[in-house]
Protein backbone atom coordinates (compact mmCIF):
# COMPACT_ATOMS: atom_id res chain seq x y z
CA ALA A 1 -0.15 -0.03 0.10
CA LYS A 2 1.11 3.48 -0.57
CA LEU A 3 -0.02 6.82 1.05
CA ILE A 4 0.29 9.82 -1.18
CA ASP A 5 -0.46 13.35 0.01
CA LEU A 6 -1.23 16.06 -2.47
CA ILE A 7 -1.03 19.70 -1.25
CA THR A 8 -1.56 22.88 -3.02
CA VAL A 9 -0.31 26.09 -1.08
CA GLU A 10 -0.73 29.61 -1.92
CA LEU A 11 1.44 32.07 -0.06
CA PRO A 12 0.50 35.59 0.80
CA LEU A 13 2.52 38.37 -0.68
CA TYR A 14 3.77 36.69 -3.75
CA PRO A 15 6.40 37.08 -5.16
CA LEU A 16 8.21 38.19 -1.78
CA SER A 17 6.85 34.96 0.08
CA ILE A 18 9.03 32.73 -2.45
CA ILE A 19 11.88 32.89 -0.21
CA ALA A 20 9.80 31.16 2.45
CA VAL A 21 9.24 27.98 0.21
CA PRO A 22 12.35 26.06 1.22
CA PHE A 23 11.49 26.37 4.79
CA MET A 24 7.85 25.53 4.42
CA LYS A 25 8.87 22.36 2.40
CA TYR A 26 11.28 21.34 5.08
CA ASP A 27 8.73 21.66 7.71
CA MET A 28 5.83 20.00 5.72
CA ASP A 29 8.30 17.15 4.56
CA ARG A 30 8.99 16.37 8.29
CA MET A 31 5.19 16.62 9.29
CA PHE A 32 4.07 14.43 6.70
CA ALA A 33 6.90 11.87 7.46
CA TYR A 34 5.69 11.91 10.80
CA ARG A 35 2.03 11.40 9.80
CA HIS A 36 2.90 8.55 7.58
CA GLU A 37 4.89 6.67 10.43
CA LYS A 38 1.88 6.98 12.82
CA ILE A 39 -0.59 5.95 10.18
CA LYS A 40 1.68 2.96 9.40
CA GLU A 41 1.81 2.04 13.38
CA ILE A 42 -1.90 2.34 13.62
CA LEU A 43 -2.77 0.11 10.62
CA THR A 44 -0.12 -2.32 11.87
CA ILE A 45 -2.01 -2.87 15.14
CA VAL A 46 -5.29 -3.31 13.38
């Protein structure tokens, strides 16, 4: 099984906010890695 998250983000104050994209991507990657791990744990218990 494969879990896929599709995200669409619109940042305020574009194009100035473009500098925030790498930081936001890093945080979101960590958040979804954690989410995927927890879902995997929950599904193995069931």
